Amino acid sequence: MNRTESKEILNQIIYLYLVEKLSLQAVGKQVGIEKQAVHERLIRAGIETRPREPKKTLSKKELIRLNTEEMLTIPQIAAKLNVSSYLVSSEMKRHQIKVKIWNQKFKKFPQFSTLQIGETTIIKNEGWKNPYSNLYQFAKNQGIRISIKRVDDQHFRITRKG
């Protein structure tokens, strides 16, 4: 590459970065070089690069509310907050929030997830072949312990133990 070609590429890099406001990576793709090379050329040309975008963070209180009270999954939370599922998942890990897993059957029993220790609720059997296993599995997914007593053929008394 001769000096003229090199100057043309540098002018193109400067134009794409300053006028078009492309990222270093996007400029590199257009010009056909790595983003580190774009960065080095801008610095050598005396052009200051833009600061990185600050990392987006999500509040612990909001994540807990959306996951436990609104019973939303990670992808649903991400869609509601207009962020990636990866960000929601990593923020929940950072805040040490145990992810509650919701499925369609569980949404039929919102009272089940809000039971306090010692409280009781009655739940109707939804035609499960093995209702005890299903109910214990729901509780396990919620991270709680329960006691189940059959009230009649169609109903169970659920008491939260822990």
N, C-alpha and C. Protein backbone atom coordinates (compact mmCIF):
# COMPACT_ATOMS: atom_id res chain seq x y z
N MET A 1 0.85 -1.17 0.00
CA MET A 1 0.00 0.00 0.00
C MET A 1 0.91 1.24 0.00
N ASN A 2 0.63 2.17 -0.93
CA ASN A 2 1.45 3.39 -0.98
C ASN A 2 0.85 4.47 -0.09
N ARG A 3 1.55 5.59 0.01
CA ARG A 3 1.13 6.67 0.90
C ARG A 3 -0.24 7.25 0.53
N THR A 4 -0.52 7.33 -0.76
CA THR A 4 -1.80 7.89 -1.20
C THR A 4 -2.95 7.00 -0.74
N GLU A 5 -2.78 5.67 -0.94
CA GLU A 5 -3.82 4.73 -0.50
C GLU A 5 -3.99 4.79 1.01
N SER A 6 -2.88 4.88 1.73
CA SER A 6 -2.89 4.95 3.19
C SER A 6 -3.62 6.20 3.66
N LYS A 7 -3.38 7.35 3.00
CA LYS A 7 -4.07 8.59 3.36
C LYS A 7 -5.56 8.50 3.08
N GLU A 8 -5.91 7.87 1.94
CA GLU A 8 -7.32 7.70 1.59
C GLU A 8 -8.04 6.85 2.64
N ILE A 9 -7.38 5.78 3.07
CA ILE A 9 -7.98 4.91 4.09
C ILE A 9 -8.14 5.68 5.40
N LEU A 10 -7.09 6.44 5.78
CA LEU A 10 -7.17 7.23 7.02
C LEU A 10 -8.31 8.25 6.92
N ASN A 11 -8.44 8.93 5.79
CA ASN A 11 -9.53 9.90 5.61
C ASN A 11 -10.89 9.20 5.71
N GLN A 12 -10.98 8.00 5.15
CA GLN A 12 -12.24 7.24 5.21
C GLN A 12 -12.54 6.85 6.66
N ILE A 13 -11.52 6.41 7.39
CA ILE A 13 -11.68 6.04 8.81
C ILE A 13 -12.17 7.25 9.60
N ILE A 14 -11.53 8.39 9.40
CA ILE A 14 -11.91 9.61 10.13
C ILE A 14 -13.34 10.01 9.79
N TYR A 15 -13.69 9.96 8.51
CA TYR A 15 -15.04 10.31 8.09
C TYR A 15 -16.08 9.38 8.74
N LEU A 16 -15.85 8.08 8.65
CA LEU A 16 -16.80 7.11 9.20
C LEU A 16 -16.94 7.26 10.71
N TYR A 17 -15.83 7.53 11.38
CA TYR A 17 -15.85 7.63 12.83
C TYR A 17 -16.45 8.94 13.33
N LEU A 18 -16.02 10.06 12.74
CA LEU A 18 -16.46 11.37 13.23
C LEU A 18 -17.80 11.82 12.63
N VAL A 19 -17.98 11.63 11.34
CA VAL A 19 -19.19 12.14 10.67
C VAL A 19 -20.34 11.13 10.75
N GLU A 20 -20.04 9.89 10.39
CA GLU A 20 -21.09 8.85 10.40
C GLU A 20 -21.35 8.31 11.81
N LYS A 21 -20.44 8.61 12.73
CA LYS A 21 -20.56 8.19 14.13
C LYS A 21 -20.59 6.67 14.29
N LEU A 22 -19.85 5.97 13.43
CA LEU A 22 -19.78 4.51 13.54
C LEU A 22 -18.82 4.13 14.66
N SER A 23 -19.00 2.93 15.20
CA SER A 23 -18.10 2.42 16.24
C SER A 23 -16.78 2.03 15.60
N LEU A 24 -15.77 1.81 16.44
CA LEU A 24 -14.47 1.37 15.93
C LEU A 24 -14.61 0.06 15.16
N GLN A 25 -15.41 -0.84 15.70
CA GLN A 25 -15.61 -2.14 15.06
C GLN A 25 -16.30 -1.98 13.71
N ALA A 26 -17.34 -1.14 13.65
CA ALA A 26 -18.08 -0.93 12.40
C ALA A 26 -17.17 -0.27 11.35
N VAL A 27 -16.34 0.68 11.78
CA VAL A 27 -15.40 1.32 10.85
C VAL A 27 -14.43 0.27 10.32
N GLY A 28 -13.89 -0.55 11.21
CA GLY A 28 -12.96 -1.59 10.82
C GLY A 28 -13.55 -2.54 9.80
N LYS A 29 -14.81 -2.92 10.01
CA LYS A 29 -15.48 -3.81 9.04
C LYS A 29 -15.59 -3.16 7.67
N GLN A 30 -15.94 -1.89 7.65
CA GLN A 30 -16.10 -1.20 6.36
C GLN A 30 -14.78 -1.03 5.64
N VAL A 31 -13.72 -0.78 6.40
CA VAL A 31 -12.42 -0.52 5.80
C VAL A 31 -11.65 -1.83 5.57
N GLY A 32 -12.00 -2.87 6.33
CA GLY A 32 -11.33 -4.15 6.17
C GLY A 32 -10.14 -4.34 7.08
N ILE A 33 -10.18 -3.70 8.26
CA ILE A 33 -9.10 -3.88 9.24
C ILE A 33 -9.73 -4.12 10.62
N GLU A 34 -8.91 -4.54 11.57
CA GLU A 34 -9.39 -4.79 12.93
C GLU A 34 -9.68 -3.47 13.66
N LYS A 35 -10.56 -3.56 14.67
CA LYS A 35 -10.91 -2.33 15.40
C LYS A 35 -9.71 -1.75 16.14
N GLN A 36 -8.76 -2.60 16.57
CA GLN A 36 -7.57 -2.10 17.24
C GLN A 36 -6.74 -1.24 16.27
N ALA A 37 -6.68 -1.66 15.01
CA ALA A 37 -5.94 -0.90 14.00
C ALA A 37 -6.62 0.45 13.74
N VAL A 38 -7.95 0.45 13.75
CA VAL A 38 -8.70 1.70 13.58
C VAL A 38 -8.35 2.64 14.73
N HIS A 39 -8.38 2.10 15.94
CA HIS A 39 -8.08 2.89 17.14
C HIS A 39 -6.68 3.49 17.05
N GLU A 40 -5.70 2.66 16.71
CA GLU A 40 -4.31 3.14 16.61
C GLU A 40 -4.17 4.25 15.57
N ARG A 41 -4.81 4.10 14.43
CA ARG A 41 -4.70 5.10 13.36
C ARG A 41 -5.36 6.42 13.78
N LEU A 42 -6.49 6.33 14.49
CA LEU A 42 -7.14 7.56 14.96
C LEU A 42 -6.25 8.27 15.98
N ILE A 43 -5.66 7.53 16.89
CA ILE A 43 -4.77 8.12 17.91
C ILE A 43 -3.57 8.78 17.24
N ARG A 44 -2.93 8.06 16.27
CA ARG A 44 -1.78 8.62 15.55
C ARG A 44 -2.15 9.89 14.78
N ALA A 45 -3.44 9.97 14.33
CA ALA A 45 -3.89 11.15 13.59
C ALA A 45 -4.29 12.28 14.54
N GLY A 46 -4.19 12.03 15.86
CA GLY A 46 -4.50 13.06 16.85
C GLY A 46 -5.99 13.19 17.14
N ILE A 47 -6.74 12.16 16.83
CA ILE A 47 -8.19 12.20 17.07
C ILE A 47 -8.51 11.40 18.33
N GLU A 48 -9.20 12.06 19.25
CA GLU A 48 -9.59 11.39 20.48
C GLU A 48 -10.77 10.48 20.22
N THR A 49 -10.71 9.28 20.76
CA THR A 49 -11.83 8.35 20.57
C THR A 49 -12.90 8.64 21.62
N ARG A 50 -14.13 8.27 21.28
CA ARG A 50 -15.25 8.47 22.19
C ARG A 50 -15.12 7.54 23.39
N PRO A 51 -15.57 7.98 24.56
CA PRO A 51 -15.52 7.06 25.72
C PRO A 51 -16.52 5.93 25.52
N ARG A 52 -16.25 4.82 26.14
CA ARG A 52 -17.16 3.68 26.07
C ARG A 52 -18.48 4.05 26.72
N GLU A 53 -19.53 3.41 26.22
CA GLU A 53 -20.84 3.58 26.85
C GLU A 53 -20.75 2.96 28.25
N PRO A 54 -21.31 3.62 29.25
CA PRO A 54 -21.28 2.99 30.57
C PRO A 54 -22.11 1.71 30.55
N LYS A 55 -21.64 0.71 31.29
CA LYS A 55 -22.35 -0.56 31.33
C LYS A 55 -23.72 -0.35 31.96
N LYS A 56 -24.74 -0.88 31.29
CA LYS A 56 -26.10 -0.73 31.78
C LYS A 56 -26.30 -1.66 32.97
N THR A 57 -26.92 -1.13 34.01
CA THR A 57 -27.22 -1.95 35.19
C THR A 57 -28.72 -1.89 35.46
N LEU A 58 -29.22 -2.93 36.09
CA LEU A 58 -30.63 -3.02 36.43
C LEU A 58 -30.76 -3.09 37.95
N SER A 59 -31.81 -2.48 38.49
CA SER A 59 -31.95 -2.44 39.94
C SER A 59 -32.43 -3.79 40.48
N LYS A 60 -31.89 -4.14 41.63
CA LYS A 60 -32.24 -5.40 42.28
C LYS A 60 -33.73 -5.44 42.60
N LYS A 61 -34.24 -4.32 43.11
CA LYS A 61 -35.64 -4.24 43.50
C LYS A 61 -36.56 -4.48 42.29
N GLU A 62 -36.23 -3.87 41.16
CA GLU A 62 -37.04 -4.01 39.95
C GLU A 62 -37.00 -5.45 39.42
N LEU A 63 -35.82 -6.06 39.43
CA LEU A 63 -35.70 -7.44 38.95
C LEU A 63 -36.49 -8.40 39.83
N ILE A 64 -36.42 -8.21 41.14
CA ILE A 64 -37.18 -9.07 42.05
C ILE A 64 -38.68 -8.88 41.83
N ARG A 65 -39.10 -7.63 41.68
CA ARG A 65 -40.53 -7.36 41.46
C ARG A 65 -41.02 -8.03 40.18
N LEU A 66 -40.28 -7.88 39.10
CA LEU A 66 -40.71 -8.45 37.82
C LEU A 66 -40.70 -9.97 37.84
N ASN A 67 -39.70 -10.57 38.50
CA ASN A 67 -39.60 -12.03 38.50
C ASN A 67 -40.55 -12.69 39.49
N THR A 68 -40.74 -12.10 40.67
CA THR A 68 -41.57 -12.78 41.67
C THR A 68 -43.01 -12.28 41.69
N GLU A 69 -43.21 -10.97 41.63
CA GLU A 69 -44.57 -10.44 41.72
C GLU A 69 -45.32 -10.54 40.39
N GLU A 70 -44.65 -10.15 39.30
CA GLU A 70 -45.31 -10.21 37.99
C GLU A 70 -45.13 -11.57 37.33
N MET A 71 -44.32 -12.44 37.95
CA MET A 71 -44.11 -13.81 37.48
C MET A 71 -43.61 -13.85 36.03
N LEU A 72 -42.64 -13.00 35.71
CA LEU A 72 -42.08 -12.95 34.37
C LEU A 72 -40.80 -13.78 34.28
N THR A 73 -40.59 -14.38 33.13
CA THR A 73 -39.36 -15.12 32.87
C THR A 73 -38.27 -14.13 32.47
N ILE A 74 -37.04 -14.61 32.38
CA ILE A 74 -35.92 -13.73 31.99
C ILE A 74 -36.17 -13.09 30.63
N PRO A 75 -36.58 -13.86 29.59
CA PRO A 75 -36.84 -13.22 28.30
C PRO A 75 -37.98 -12.19 28.36
N GLN A 76 -39.01 -12.44 29.18
CA GLN A 76 -40.11 -11.49 29.32
C GLN A 76 -39.64 -10.21 30.02
N ILE A 77 -38.79 -10.36 31.04
CA ILE A 77 -38.23 -9.19 31.73
C ILE A 77 -37.40 -8.37 30.76
N ALA A 78 -36.57 -9.07 29.97
CA ALA A 78 -35.71 -8.40 29.00
C ALA A 78 -36.55 -7.60 28.00
N ALA A 79 -37.63 -8.21 27.51
CA ALA A 79 -38.49 -7.53 26.55
C ALA A 79 -39.15 -6.30 27.19
N LYS A 80 -39.60 -6.45 28.42
CA LYS A 80 -40.27 -5.35 29.11
C LYS A 80 -39.31 -4.18 29.36
N LEU A 81 -38.05 -4.48 29.68
CA LEU A 81 -37.06 -3.44 29.96
C LEU A 81 -36.28 -3.01 28.72
N ASN A 82 -36.56 -3.65 27.59
CA ASN A 82 -35.90 -3.35 26.32
C ASN A 82 -34.37 -3.53 26.42
N VAL A 83 -33.98 -4.67 27.01
CA VAL A 83 -32.57 -5.04 27.12
C VAL A 83 -32.42 -6.50 26.71
N SER A 84 -31.21 -7.00 26.69
CA SER A 84 -30.99 -8.40 26.30
C SER A 84 -31.25 -9.34 27.48
N SER A 85 -31.60 -10.57 27.15
CA SER A 85 -31.78 -11.61 28.17
C SER A 85 -30.47 -11.83 28.92
N TYR A 86 -29.36 -11.73 28.19
CA TYR A 86 -28.04 -11.90 28.80
C TYR A 86 -27.83 -10.87 29.92
N LEU A 87 -28.21 -9.61 29.66
CA LEU A 87 -28.03 -8.56 30.67
C LEU A 87 -28.90 -8.86 31.90
N VAL A 88 -30.16 -9.26 31.68
CA VAL A 88 -31.05 -9.58 32.80
C VAL A 88 -30.46 -10.72 33.62
N SER A 89 -30.02 -11.77 32.93
CA SER A 89 -29.46 -12.94 33.61
C SER A 89 -28.20 -12.58 34.39
N SER A 90 -27.29 -11.83 33.78
CA SER A 90 -26.06 -11.47 34.48
C SER A 90 -26.31 -10.51 35.64
N GLU A 91 -27.28 -9.62 35.50
CA GLU A 91 -27.61 -8.70 36.61
C GLU A 91 -28.26 -9.47 37.76
N MET A 92 -29.07 -10.48 37.44
CA MET A 92 -29.68 -11.29 38.50
C MET A 92 -28.58 -12.06 39.25
N LYS A 93 -27.58 -12.53 38.53
CA LYS A 93 -26.44 -13.21 39.17
C LYS A 93 -25.67 -12.22 40.04
N ARG A 94 -25.42 -11.02 39.50
CA ARG A 94 -24.66 -10.00 40.24
C ARG A 94 -25.35 -9.62 41.54
N HIS A 95 -26.68 -9.52 41.49
CA HIS A 95 -27.46 -9.16 42.69
C HIS A 95 -27.76 -10.38 43.56
N GLN A 96 -27.29 -11.55 43.13
CA GLN A 96 -27.53 -12.82 43.83
C GLN A 96 -29.02 -13.09 44.02
N ILE A 97 -29.77 -12.89 42.94
CA ILE A 97 -31.21 -13.16 42.95
C ILE A 97 -31.41 -14.55 42.39
N LYS A 98 -32.09 -15.39 43.16
CA LYS A 98 -32.39 -16.74 42.68
C LYS A 98 -33.51 -16.62 41.66
N VAL A 99 -33.25 -17.11 40.47
CA VAL A 99 -34.22 -17.00 39.38
C VAL A 99 -35.37 -17.95 39.63
N LYS A 100 -36.57 -17.40 39.61
CA LYS A 100 -37.77 -18.22 39.75
C LYS A 100 -38.21 -18.60 38.35
N ILE A 101 -38.46 -19.90 38.15
CA ILE A 101 -38.83 -20.38 36.83
C ILE A 101 -40.35 -20.54 36.80
N TRP A 102 -40.95 -19.86 35.84
CA TRP A 102 -42.41 -19.90 35.71
C TRP A 102 -42.76 -20.69 34.46
N ASN A 103 -43.83 -21.45 34.56
CA ASN A 103 -44.36 -22.09 33.36
C ASN A 103 -45.85 -21.81 33.30
N GLN A 104 -46.48 -22.19 32.23
CA GLN A 104 -47.89 -21.84 32.03
C GLN A 104 -48.80 -22.42 33.10
N LYS A 105 -48.57 -23.67 33.52
CA LYS A 105 -49.42 -24.27 34.55
C LYS A 105 -49.32 -23.47 35.85
N PHE A 106 -48.09 -23.02 36.16
CA PHE A 106 -47.89 -22.34 37.43
C PHE A 106 -48.61 -21.01 37.49
N LYS A 107 -48.82 -20.38 36.35
CA LYS A 107 -49.51 -19.09 36.35
C LYS A 107 -50.97 -19.25 36.79
N LYS A 108 -51.48 -20.47 36.77
CA LYS A 108 -52.85 -20.71 37.24
C LYS A 108 -52.94 -20.57 38.76
N PHE A 109 -51.79 -20.68 39.44
CA PHE A 109 -51.79 -20.66 40.90
C PHE A 109 -50.90 -19.55 41.45
N PRO A 110 -51.24 -18.30 41.18
CA PRO A 110 -50.37 -17.23 41.70
C PRO A 110 -50.33 -17.21 43.22
N GLN A 111 -51.39 -17.68 43.89
CA GLN A 111 -51.40 -17.69 45.35
C GLN A 111 -50.34 -18.64 45.90
N PHE A 112 -49.99 -19.64 45.13
CA PHE A 112 -48.99 -20.62 45.55
C PHE A 112 -47.64 -19.96 45.75
N SER A 113 -47.28 -19.05 44.84
CA SER A 113 -45.96 -18.42 44.91
C SER A 113 -45.87 -17.32 45.97
N THR A 114 -47.01 -16.82 46.42
CA THR A 114 -46.98 -15.73 47.40
C THR A 114 -47.26 -16.20 48.82
N LEU A 115 -47.38 -17.51 49.01
CA LEU A 115 -47.62 -18.04 50.35
C LEU A 115 -46.48 -17.69 51.29
N GLN A 116 -46.82 -17.24 52.46
CA GLN A 116 -45.82 -16.99 53.50
C GLN A 116 -45.71 -18.25 54.35
N ILE A 117 -44.61 -18.39 55.07
CA ILE A 117 -44.42 -19.56 55.93
C ILE A 117 -45.56 -19.66 56.92
N GLY A 118 -46.19 -20.86 56.98
CA GLY A 118 -47.32 -21.11 57.88
C GLY A 118 -48.67 -20.85 57.24
N GLU A 119 -48.71 -20.13 56.13
CA GLU A 119 -49.99 -19.86 55.46
C GLU A 119 -50.44 -21.07 54.65
N THR A 120 -51.75 -21.13 54.44
CA THR A 120 -52.36 -22.26 53.74
C THR A 120 -53.24 -21.74 52.61
N THR A 121 -53.33 -22.53 51.55
CA THR A 121 -54.23 -22.22 50.45
C THR A 121 -54.79 -23.53 49.91
N ILE A 122 -55.92 -23.46 49.24
CA ILE A 122 -56.54 -24.63 48.63
C ILE A 122 -56.33 -24.55 47.12
N ILE A 123 -55.88 -25.65 46.54
CA ILE A 123 -55.65 -25.71 45.09
C ILE A 123 -56.42 -26.88 44.51
N LYS A 124 -57.05 -26.63 43.37
CA LYS A 124 -57.82 -27.67 42.69
C LYS A 124 -56.90 -28.52 41.83
N ASN A 125 -57.14 -29.83 41.84
CA ASN A 125 -56.39 -30.75 40.98
C ASN A 125 -56.80 -30.48 39.54
N GLU A 126 -55.83 -30.21 38.69
CA GLU A 126 -56.08 -29.90 37.28
C GLU A 126 -56.06 -31.14 36.41
N GLY A 127 -56.37 -32.29 36.98
CA GLY A 127 -56.38 -33.52 36.20
C GLY A 127 -55.01 -34.15 36.06
N TRP A 128 -54.09 -33.81 36.95
CA TRP A 128 -52.77 -34.41 36.90
C TRP A 128 -52.85 -35.88 37.28
N LYS A 129 -51.99 -36.67 36.67
CA LYS A 129 -51.92 -38.09 37.02
C LYS A 129 -51.27 -38.26 38.38
N ASN A 130 -50.30 -37.41 38.66
CA ASN A 130 -49.56 -37.51 39.91
C ASN A 130 -49.50 -36.13 40.57
N PRO A 131 -50.60 -35.69 41.19
CA PRO A 131 -50.67 -34.32 41.71
C PRO A 131 -49.62 -34.00 42.78
N TYR A 132 -49.28 -34.97 43.63
CA TYR A 132 -48.29 -34.69 44.67
C TYR A 132 -46.95 -34.33 44.06
N SER A 133 -46.52 -35.12 43.06
CA SER A 133 -45.24 -34.83 42.40
C SER A 133 -45.26 -33.46 41.74
N ASN A 134 -46.36 -33.15 41.06
CA ASN A 134 -46.46 -31.84 40.38
C ASN A 134 -46.39 -30.69 41.37
N LEU A 135 -47.13 -30.79 42.45
CA LEU A 135 -47.14 -29.70 43.43
C LEU A 135 -45.79 -29.55 44.13
N TYR A 136 -45.17 -30.68 44.49
CA TYR A 136 -43.84 -30.60 45.11
C TYR A 136 -42.81 -30.02 44.14
N GLN A 137 -42.93 -30.37 42.86
CA GLN A 137 -42.01 -29.83 41.85
C GLN A 137 -42.20 -28.32 41.69
N PHE A 138 -43.46 -27.87 41.69
CA PHE A 138 -43.73 -26.43 41.62
C PHE A 138 -43.06 -25.73 42.79
N ALA A 139 -43.20 -26.30 43.98
CA ALA A 139 -42.61 -25.69 45.18
C ALA A 139 -41.09 -25.67 45.06
N LYS A 140 -40.52 -26.75 44.59
CA LYS A 140 -39.07 -26.82 44.43
C LYS A 140 -38.59 -25.74 43.47
N ASN A 141 -39.31 -25.54 42.36
CA ASN A 141 -38.95 -24.51 41.39
C ASN A 141 -39.00 -23.12 42.02
N GLN A 142 -39.86 -22.96 43.01
CA GLN A 142 -39.98 -21.68 43.70
C GLN A 142 -38.99 -21.53 44.83
N GLY A 143 -38.32 -22.63 45.17
CA GLY A 143 -37.35 -22.58 46.27
C GLY A 143 -38.03 -22.58 47.62
N ILE A 144 -39.22 -23.19 47.71
CA ILE A 144 -39.93 -23.25 48.98
C ILE A 144 -40.26 -24.70 49.31
N ARG A 145 -40.57 -24.95 50.58
CA ARG A 145 -41.01 -26.28 51.03
C ARG A 145 -42.48 -26.19 51.40
N ILE A 146 -43.22 -27.26 51.07
CA ILE A 146 -44.66 -27.25 51.34
C ILE A 146 -45.09 -28.58 51.95
N SER A 147 -46.28 -28.53 52.53
CA SER A 147 -46.96 -29.72 53.01
C SER A 147 -48.26 -29.81 52.21
N ILE A 148 -48.62 -31.03 51.78
CA ILE A 148 -49.83 -31.21 50.98
C ILE A 148 -50.76 -32.17 51.69
N LYS A 149 -52.01 -31.78 51.84
CA LYS A 149 -53.05 -32.64 52.39
C LYS A 149 -54.21 -32.67 51.42
N ARG A 150 -54.72 -33.86 51.12
CA ARG A 150 -55.88 -33.98 50.23
C ARG A 150 -57.13 -33.59 51.02
N VAL A 151 -57.90 -32.64 50.48
CA VAL A 151 -59.13 -32.19 51.12
C VAL A 151 -60.28 -33.09 50.64
N ASP A 152 -60.37 -33.27 49.34
CA ASP A 152 -61.36 -34.18 48.74
C ASP A 152 -60.78 -34.68 47.41
N ASP A 153 -61.61 -35.27 46.55
CA ASP A 153 -61.10 -35.83 45.29
C ASP A 153 -60.44 -34.79 44.39
N GLN A 154 -60.87 -33.55 44.45
CA GLN A 154 -60.38 -32.52 43.53
C GLN A 154 -59.54 -31.42 44.16
N HIS A 155 -59.41 -31.38 45.48
CA HIS A 155 -58.73 -30.26 46.13
C HIS A 155 -57.64 -30.71 47.09
N PHE A 156 -56.61 -29.85 47.18
CA PHE A 156 -55.49 -30.08 48.09
C PHE A 156 -55.27 -28.84 48.94
N ARG A 157 -54.91 -29.04 50.20
CA ARG A 157 -54.54 -27.95 51.09
C ARG A 157 -53.02 -27.86 51.06
N ILE A 158 -52.52 -26.71 50.65
CA ILE A 158 -51.08 -26.48 50.57
C ILE A 158 -50.67 -25.55 51.71
N THR A 159 -49.69 -25.99 52.52
CA THR A 159 -49.17 -25.17 53.60
C THR A 159 -47.69 -24.97 53.35
N ARG A 160 -47.25 -23.71 53.41
CA ARG A 160 -45.82 -23.43 53.20
C ARG A 160 -45.08 -23.70 54.49
N LYS A 161 -44.00 -24.50 54.37
CA LYS A 161 -43.18 -24.87 55.53
C LYS A 161 -41.86 -24.12 55.58
N GLY A 162 -41.40 -23.65 54.47
CA GLY A 162 -40.11 -22.95 54.49
C GLY A 162 -39.76 -22.42 53.13
